[in-house]
Protein backbone atom coordinates (compact mmCIF):
# COMPACT_ATOMS: atom_id res chain seq x y z
CA MET A 1 -49.76 -35.21 29.83
CA ASN A 2 -47.48 -34.36 32.49
CA SER A 3 -46.61 -30.70 32.74
CA GLU A 4 -44.52 -30.44 35.64
CA VAL A 5 -41.61 -29.16 35.43
CA ASN A 6 -38.76 -31.61 37.16
CA PHE A 7 -36.05 -28.81 38.07
CA GLN A 8 -34.18 -32.13 38.76
CA ARG A 9 -33.37 -33.16 35.25
CA ILE A 10 -32.67 -29.27 34.13
CA ILE A 11 -30.00 -29.43 36.50
CA ALA A 12 -28.58 -32.25 34.82
CA LEU A 13 -28.80 -31.43 31.71
CA ALA A 14 -27.19 -27.96 32.64
CA LYS A 15 -24.25 -29.95 34.00
CA LYS A 16 -23.82 -32.17 31.23
CA ASP A 17 -23.80 -29.12 29.19
CA ILE A 18 -21.56 -27.02 31.47
CA LYS A 19 -18.79 -30.26 31.34
CA ARG A 20 -19.03 -30.63 27.73
CA ILE A 21 -18.19 -27.24 27.44
CA VAL A 22 -15.00 -27.87 30.24
CA ARG A 23 -13.77 -30.61 28.53
CA GLU A 24 -13.62 -29.17 25.56
CA PRO A 25 -10.30 -27.00 25.69
CA SER A 26 -11.34 -25.14 21.86
CA VAL A 27 -14.35 -24.18 23.17
CA LEU A 28 -13.36 -22.78 26.65
CA PHE A 29 -10.81 -21.30 24.97
CA MET A 30 -12.86 -19.11 22.55
CA ILE A 31 -15.47 -18.68 25.38
CA ILE A 32 -12.61 -17.56 27.98
CA LEU A 33 -10.20 -15.75 25.65
CA PHE A 34 -11.62 -14.22 23.42
CA PRO A 35 -13.55 -12.00 25.44
CA ILE A 36 -10.72 -10.73 27.37
CA VAL A 37 -8.80 -10.52 23.88
CA LEU A 38 -11.96 -8.23 23.29
CA MET A 39 -12.24 -5.76 26.04
CA VAL A 40 -8.45 -5.34 26.34
CA ALA A 41 -8.10 -4.58 22.78
CA PHE A 42 -10.88 -1.67 22.99
CA ALA A 43 -9.20 -0.29 26.61
CA MET A 44 -6.16 -0.02 24.99
CA ALA A 45 -7.30 1.48 21.61
CA PHE A 46 -9.57 3.64 23.42
CA GLY A 47 -7.64 4.97 26.34
CA THR A 48 -8.93 2.72 29.37
CA VAL A 49 -5.84 0.51 30.00
CA GLY A 50 -2.71 2.73 30.31
CA GLY A 51 -4.76 6.08 31.36
CA THR A 52 -6.14 8.62 29.28
CA GLN A 53 -6.13 8.76 25.47
CA SER A 54 -2.96 10.65 25.43
CA VAL A 55 -1.42 11.87 22.22
CA THR A 56 1.22 12.84 21.43
CA TYR A 57 2.92 14.66 18.17
CA GLN A 58 6.72 15.03 17.21
CA ILE A 59 7.38 18.80 15.61
CA GLY A 60 10.40 19.10 14.15
CA ILE A 61 11.73 23.26 14.40
CA VAL A 62 14.39 25.11 11.91
CA ASN A 63 15.26 28.14 13.83
CA LEU A 64 16.22 30.70 11.50
CA ASN A 65 16.25 33.36 13.82
CA LEU A 66 19.71 32.57 15.72
CA GLU A 67 21.67 36.00 14.77
CA GLY A 68 20.91 39.69 15.62
CA ASN A 69 19.56 41.39 18.80
CA HIS A 70 16.27 39.83 18.37
CA GLN A 71 16.51 36.35 18.69
CA GLN A 72 15.18 35.55 22.47
CA TRP A 73 12.09 35.74 20.74
CA SER A 74 12.62 32.46 18.69
CA ASN A 75 13.63 30.90 22.32
CA TYR A 76 10.78 32.12 23.95
CA PHE A 77 8.21 30.90 21.28
CA ILE A 78 10.13 27.33 21.24
CA GLY A 79 10.00 27.26 24.95
CA ASN A 80 6.17 28.11 24.59
CA LEU A 81 5.85 24.90 21.98
CA THR A 82 8.12 22.99 24.06
CA ASN A 83 5.68 23.16 27.39
CA ILE A 84 2.55 21.94 25.06
CA LYS A 85 2.84 18.19 26.23
CA ILE A 86 1.15 16.93 23.79
CA LEU A 87 4.52 18.13 21.85
CA LYS A 88 7.60 16.70 21.61
CA ILE A 89 10.09 19.19 19.78
CA GLN A 90 12.98 18.16 18.16
CA GLU A 91 15.29 21.01 16.42
CA TYR A 92 17.30 20.74 13.11
CA GLN A 93 19.98 22.46 11.75
CA ASN A 94 18.01 22.36 8.29
CA SER A 95 15.10 22.28 6.60
CA GLU A 96 15.92 19.32 4.76
CA THR A 97 16.82 17.24 6.89
CA ALA A 98 13.58 17.53 8.93
CA GLN A 99 11.69 17.29 5.70
CA SER A 100 13.66 14.06 4.92
CA ASP A 101 12.07 12.89 8.17
CA LEU A 102 8.71 14.12 7.68
CA MET A 103 8.25 12.47 4.28
CA GLN A 104 9.14 9.29 6.62
CA GLY A 105 7.21 9.98 9.32
CA LYS A 106 9.54 10.10 12.01
CA ILE A 107 7.74 13.37 12.85
CA GLN A 108 4.55 14.98 12.43
CA ALA A 109 5.38 18.29 11.05
CA VAL A 110 8.14 20.85 10.30
CA LEU A 111 7.42 24.63 11.51
CA VAL A 112 10.26 27.20 10.09
CA ILE A 113 11.06 30.46 12.04
CA PRO A 114 12.16 33.01 9.59
CA GLU A 115 15.12 34.95 10.08
CA ASN A 116 13.08 38.43 10.49
CA PHE A 117 10.71 36.67 13.25
CA GLY A 118 12.51 37.94 16.30
CA GLN A 119 12.13 41.48 14.33
CA SER A 120 8.39 41.38 13.72
CA CYS A 121 7.99 40.55 17.77
CA SER A 122 10.10 43.72 18.96
CA SER A 123 8.45 45.66 16.01
CA TYR A 124 4.75 45.22 17.52
CA TRP A 125 5.79 46.53 21.06
CA ALA A 126 7.64 49.00 19.83
CA GLU A 127 4.65 50.69 17.51
CA ALA A 128 1.04 50.82 17.60
CA ASN A 129 0.16 51.42 14.17
CA PRO A 130 -0.05 47.86 12.39
CA SER A 131 1.16 49.55 9.14
CA LEU A 132 4.37 49.76 10.35
CA TRP A 133 5.39 46.14 11.87
CA THR A 134 7.90 43.73 10.11
CA ASN A 135 5.64 41.08 8.99
CA THR A 136 6.44 37.67 8.37
CA THR A 137 5.35 34.37 7.55
CA LEU A 138 6.05 30.96 9.79
CA GLN A 139 6.48 28.06 6.91
CA LEU A 140 4.43 24.89 8.58
CA TYR A 141 4.65 21.66 6.89
CA LEU A 142 2.38 18.69 7.93
CA ASP A 143 2.51 15.11 7.69
CA SER A 144 0.16 14.12 4.87
CA GLY A 145 -0.10 10.46 6.32
CA SER A 146 -1.59 11.62 9.69
CA MET A 147 -4.94 13.11 9.24
CA PHE A 148 -5.41 13.78 13.33
CA ALA A 149 -1.39 16.16 12.74
CA THR A 150 -3.02 18.26 9.82
CA GLN A 151 -5.64 18.92 12.33
CA ALA A 152 -4.70 19.66 15.55
CA ILE A 153 -1.61 20.87 14.91
CA PRO A 154 -2.10 23.97 13.58
CA PRO A 155 -4.20 25.50 15.98
CA ILE A 156 -1.62 24.09 18.59
CA ILE A 157 1.07 26.56 17.33
CA GLN A 158 -1.15 29.13 16.80
CA GLU A 159 -2.02 29.39 20.78
CA ALA A 160 1.48 29.07 21.05
CA LEU A 161 2.15 32.30 18.51
CA ILE A 162 -0.24 34.35 19.98
CA THR A 163 1.25 33.52 23.60
CA THR A 164 4.84 34.37 22.60
CA ILE A 165 3.84 37.68 21.43
CA SER A 166 1.35 39.24 23.43
CA GLY A 167 2.04 37.11 26.54
CA THR A 168 -1.38 35.71 28.32
CA GLN A 169 -2.35 38.99 29.55
CA ARG A 170 -5.17 39.76 26.32
CA ILE A 171 -5.59 38.33 23.19
CA PRO A 172 -4.57 40.63 20.06
CA LEU A 173 -6.87 40.90 17.43
CA GLN A 174 -3.80 41.49 15.19
CA ILE A 175 -0.31 40.70 14.84
CA PRO A 176 2.34 40.61 12.58
CA ILE A 177 3.46 36.85 12.24
CA ASN A 178 1.30 34.32 10.29
CA ILE A 179 1.35 30.75 9.59
CA ALA A 180 1.58 29.74 5.70
CA SER A 181 -1.47 27.75 5.04
CA PRO A 182 -0.08 24.13 4.92
CA SER A 183 -2.24 24.18 1.46
CA MET A 184 1.27 23.84 0.08
CA VAL A 185 1.36 20.43 1.87
CA ALA A 186 -0.48 17.42 -0.11
CA SER A 187 -2.01 16.49 3.28
CA ASN A 188 -5.08 19.42 3.05
CA LYS A 189 -6.04 17.34 -0.96
CA PHE A 190 -6.72 14.00 0.99
CA THR A 191 -10.16 12.61 2.76
CA THR A 192 -10.71 10.45 5.55
CA PHE A 193 -11.46 7.66 2.91
CA ASP A 194 -7.69 8.76 2.14
CA TYR A 195 -6.17 8.40 4.98
CA MET A 196 -8.24 4.84 6.17
CA ALA A 197 -7.01 3.23 2.78
CA PRO A 198 -3.72 1.40 3.73
CA GLY A 199 -5.03 0.20 6.55
CA ILE A 200 -8.04 -1.00 4.81
CA PHE A 201 -5.68 -3.32 2.33
CA THR A 202 -4.12 -4.57 5.62
CA PHE A 203 -7.72 -5.27 7.71
CA ALA A 204 -8.50 -7.28 3.96
CA LEU A 205 -5.67 -9.62 4.53
CA ILE A 206 -6.10 -9.94 8.12
CA PHE A 207 -8.98 -12.26 7.38
CA LEU A 208 -6.99 -14.88 5.92
CA ILE A 209 -6.54 -16.04 9.28
CA MET A 210 -10.08 -17.44 9.70
CA THR A 211 -10.66 -18.36 6.29
CA ILE A 212 -7.49 -20.57 6.44
CA SER A 213 -8.10 -21.84 10.02
CA GLN A 214 -11.37 -23.16 9.08
CA SER A 215 -10.41 -24.55 5.78
CA PHE A 216 -8.10 -26.96 7.52
CA THR A 217 -9.73 -27.31 10.58
CA ALA A 218 -12.96 -28.78 8.19
CA GLU A 219 -10.91 -31.24 6.10
CA ARG A 220 -9.22 -32.37 9.57
CA GLN A 221 -13.19 -32.90 10.06
CA GLN A 222 -14.31 -34.66 6.98
CA GLY A 223 -10.80 -37.39 7.40
CA LEU A 224 -9.63 -35.78 4.27
CA LEU A 225 -6.43 -35.49 5.99
CA ARG A 226 -6.20 -38.39 7.07
CA ARG A 227 -6.63 -39.76 3.78
CA ILE A 228 -3.78 -37.69 2.20
CA ASN A 229 -1.44 -39.01 4.80
CA ILE A 230 -1.45 -42.09 2.88
CA THR A 231 -0.70 -40.82 -0.39
CA PRO A 232 2.80 -40.30 -1.86
CA ILE A 233 1.96 -35.99 -1.01
CA THR A 234 4.18 -35.28 1.65
CA SER A 235 3.95 -32.52 4.50
CA LYS A 236 6.06 -30.02 3.23
CA GLU A 237 4.30 -30.08 -0.75
CA ILE A 238 0.61 -29.82 1.28
CA MET A 239 2.47 -26.59 3.41
CA THR A 240 3.99 -25.27 0.21
CA SER A 241 0.46 -25.38 -2.01
CA GLN A 242 -1.06 -23.74 1.00
CA VAL A 243 1.49 -21.10 1.07
CA LEU A 244 1.37 -20.36 -2.89
CA ALA A 245 -2.59 -20.56 -3.31
CA ASN A 246 -2.89 -18.22 -0.47
CA MET A 247 -0.07 -15.85 -1.68
CA ILE A 248 -2.30 -16.06 -5.13
CA ILE A 249 -5.14 -15.29 -2.91
CA ALA A 250 -3.52 -12.06 -1.44
CA LEU A 251 -2.08 -10.92 -4.50
CA ILE A 252 -6.18 -10.97 -6.12
CA GLN A 253 -7.49 -9.38 -3.51
CA ALA A 254 -5.03 -6.56 -3.30
CA ILE A 255 -5.50 -5.63 -7.14
CA LEU A 256 -9.35 -6.04 -6.44
CA LEU A 257 -8.81 -3.29 -3.50
CA LEU A 258 -7.19 -1.01 -5.50
CA ALA A 259 -9.11 -1.18 -8.43
CA MET A 260 -12.28 -0.43 -6.47
CA SER A 261 -10.58 2.11 -4.31
CA LEU A 262 -9.49 3.99 -7.48
CA ILE A 263 -13.26 3.72 -8.51
CA VAL A 264 -14.37 5.55 -6.00
CA GLY A 265 -11.83 8.42 -6.19
CA TYR A 266 -8.70 7.37 -4.38
CA ARG A 267 -5.40 9.08 -5.71
CA PRO A 268 -2.62 7.57 -4.01
CA VAL A 269 1.01 9.18 -4.05
CA GLY A 270 3.59 7.51 -5.84
CA ASN A 271 4.86 5.37 -9.03
CA LEU A 272 4.79 2.23 -10.36
CA ALA A 273 8.14 1.20 -7.75
CA SER A 274 5.58 2.25 -5.22
CA PHE A 275 2.55 0.20 -6.16
CA ALA A 276 4.89 -2.97 -6.77
CA LEU A 277 6.61 -2.71 -3.30
CA ALA A 278 3.33 -2.12 -1.74
CA PHE A 279 1.74 -5.46 -3.70
CA ALA A 280 5.14 -7.28 -2.25
CA ILE A 281 4.41 -6.01 1.38
CA LEU A 282 0.97 -7.59 0.93
CA ILE A 283 1.80 -11.03 -0.20
CA ILE A 284 5.23 -11.42 2.31
CA PHE A 285 1.97 -10.56 4.99
CA SER A 286 -0.10 -13.07 4.03
CA LEU A 287 2.21 -15.57 4.72
CA CYS A 288 2.04 -14.09 8.39
CA CYS A 289 -1.33 -14.83 8.33
CA VAL A 290 -1.51 -18.26 7.00
CA GLY A 291 0.83 -19.35 10.09
CA PHE A 292 -1.74 -17.77 12.25
CA GLY A 293 -4.56 -19.66 10.73
CA LEU A 294 -2.46 -22.83 11.59
CA ILE A 295 -1.49 -21.72 14.81
CA THR A 296 -5.60 -21.65 15.19
CA ALA A 297 -6.65 -24.98 13.15
CA VAL A 298 -4.16 -26.77 16.05
CA VAL A 299 -6.61 -25.37 18.69
CA SER A 300 -10.01 -25.61 17.03
CA LYS A 301 -11.67 -29.17 16.71
CA SER A 302 -14.20 -27.56 14.35
CA PRO A 303 -14.73 -24.82 11.44
CA GLU A 304 -16.93 -22.79 13.91
CA VAL A 305 -14.65 -23.02 17.00
CA ALA A 306 -11.81 -21.76 14.35
CA THR A 307 -13.97 -18.84 13.74
CA GLY A 308 -13.86 -17.86 16.94
CA ILE A 309 -10.09 -18.47 18.36
CA SER A 310 -9.39 -16.96 14.89
CA PHE A 311 -10.64 -13.56 16.17
CA ILE A 312 -8.06 -13.92 19.07
CA PHE A 313 -5.40 -12.93 16.20
CA ILE A 314 -7.42 -10.89 14.42
CA ILE A 315 -8.53 -8.33 17.27
CA PRO A 316 -5.27 -7.10 17.61
CA LEU A 317 -3.91 -6.88 14.29
CA MET A 318 -7.09 -5.13 13.50
CA PHE A 319 -7.27 -2.50 16.23
CA LEU A 320 -3.41 -2.16 16.59
CA GLY A 321 -2.04 -1.96 13.14
CA THR A 322 -4.99 -1.07 10.71
CA PHE A 323 -6.48 2.25 12.75
CA VAL A 324 -4.85 5.40 12.52
CA THR A 325 -2.79 4.82 15.39
CA SER A 326 -1.93 8.44 16.06
CA GLY A 327 -5.60 8.94 17.28
CA LEU A 328 -5.43 5.74 19.56
CA SER A 329 -4.03 6.10 23.01
CA THR A 330 -0.08 6.06 24.30
CA ILE A 331 -0.40 2.46 25.40
CA ALA A 332 -2.00 1.16 21.92
CA GLN A 333 0.56 3.18 20.11
CA ALA A 334 3.32 1.75 21.50
CA ALA A 335 1.72 -1.43 21.20
CA GLY A 336 1.05 -1.68 17.55
CA LYS A 337 4.73 -2.10 17.17
CA PHE A 338 4.65 -5.18 18.59
CA VAL A 339 2.09 -6.63 15.73
CA PRO A 340 2.91 -6.84 11.96
CA SER A 341 0.04 -5.70 10.54
CA TYR A 342 1.36 -2.21 12.03
CA TYR A 343 4.28 -1.64 9.80
CA VAL A 344 2.52 -3.16 6.64
CA THR A 345 0.04 0.21 7.16
CA ASP A 346 3.06 2.17 8.04
CA ALA A 347 4.65 1.52 5.08
CA LEU A 348 1.58 1.41 2.86
CA THR A 349 1.10 4.92 4.68
CA SER A 350 4.88 6.42 3.47
CA LEU A 351 3.98 5.31 -0.17
CA PHE A 352 0.54 6.18 -0.53
CA LEU A 353 0.54 8.76 1.57
CA ARG A 354 3.48 11.20 1.94
CA GLY A 355 5.31 9.81 -1.02
CA ALA A 356 8.19 8.22 0.69
CA PRO A 357 10.31 6.95 -2.17
CA ILE A 358 10.90 2.73 -1.80
CA THR A 359 14.77 2.84 -0.72
CA SER A 360 13.71 5.37 2.28
CA PRO A 361 14.97 3.93 5.43
CA THR A 362 11.63 3.39 7.20
CA ILE A 363 9.95 1.84 4.50
CA LEU A 364 12.96 -0.59 4.32
CA PHE A 365 12.88 -1.11 7.89
CA ASP A 366 8.98 -1.55 8.22
CA THR A 367 9.52 -4.25 5.20
CA LEU A 368 11.87 -6.00 6.68
CA VAL A 369 10.12 -6.52 10.08
CA VAL A 370 7.39 -7.64 8.11
CA LEU A 371 9.76 -10.42 6.02
CA LEU A 372 10.65 -11.65 9.75
CA TYR A 373 7.30 -11.68 11.41
CA SER A 374 5.61 -13.62 8.53
CA ILE A 375 9.01 -16.40 8.54
CA ILE A 376 9.14 -16.60 12.18
CA VAL A 377 5.09 -17.16 12.37
CA LEU A 378 4.52 -18.93 9.14
CA MET A 379 7.46 -21.59 10.48
CA LEU A 380 5.64 -21.99 13.54
CA GLY A 381 2.75 -22.38 11.93
CA ILE A 382 4.12 -25.30 10.28
CA ILE A 383 5.07 -27.27 12.97
CA LEU A 384 2.75 -26.96 15.27
CA PHE A 385 0.06 -28.12 12.93
CA LYS A 386 2.54 -30.77 11.56
CA LYS A 387 2.83 -31.92 15.40
CA PHE A 388 -0.70 -31.45 16.75
CA GLY A 389 -2.97 -30.11 14.20
CA ARG A 390 -3.25 -32.69 11.23
CA ARG A 391 -5.30 -35.35 13.33
CA GLY A 392 -8.54 -34.75 14.72
């Protein structure tokens, strides 16, 4: 037996395999574009692209210490908060407006400065005996839809408060002003899973992209689509049946996910109308996934290739739209607003964590964006598949 290795044959076979890959656009598409999308998604999500993982929090301030001889203290306090780079301060005339924006997720916290705030600060310097101080309490309300906000904001405000009262020369053991515990806000009753649940609902539907692209590619590969073409069944009927079937699948998935989440202890805020709207939003989003699945099937020659290419859509939708975006880099938070899954998760977060009513402007806006996005992507997918994807 000739055991010698013929390197010429090896090189010839290697060239043959490389040519086969290069000549197959769908395989080349997956090999080149998939790792690029994967790396960019991770980099954007965790801070490499666009600088460090810089997080900012929108804080609403209601200043009731506007009159009297001690009002300069509240101005000094607000100035110290403004100087903290990760805080964006927005002043409100009344607590009701601020609370409304908090419920809609427009801001992450509301801080109410009481009328006697300045008097308390002055008493700290005027009296050495703590029993003679004028004690007061700052009311703090946190965004119950943001796990990061509930953990990060209180110590930041506490540090700014100490700086305001005592300056930077010393750290007092006791001050006459306390920050009320956010226990009055539902946020501290939630577990990590509670914060993740809205994104999990969205995440599950995203994988419809892969199953739809695999299904269409397999049917085309087996010649089923070609045989259907010679029957009285129209393209419109085929696409309508696919849309209807996947809407039903999406509804079943949402019901199963909700049932399992309730079994493991998830207790979302909201009423029957909130759940109905949540299911409606998820069903609408399923149409978008059908569209992405059809686009994937157009450029895929086999179910295996469709699996890989589908992740080009799945990864951005997953990283930018289902994770807790307030914990991601600034550029990732901005990029998330260009993917439909962001608005699905945001709407579910407002419904299930913040307890926002279904008529709130934020939820209505999220629903409208998801609807428009789904219609556009679905129509694009249908047009491309009818033109390029039905024949393999």
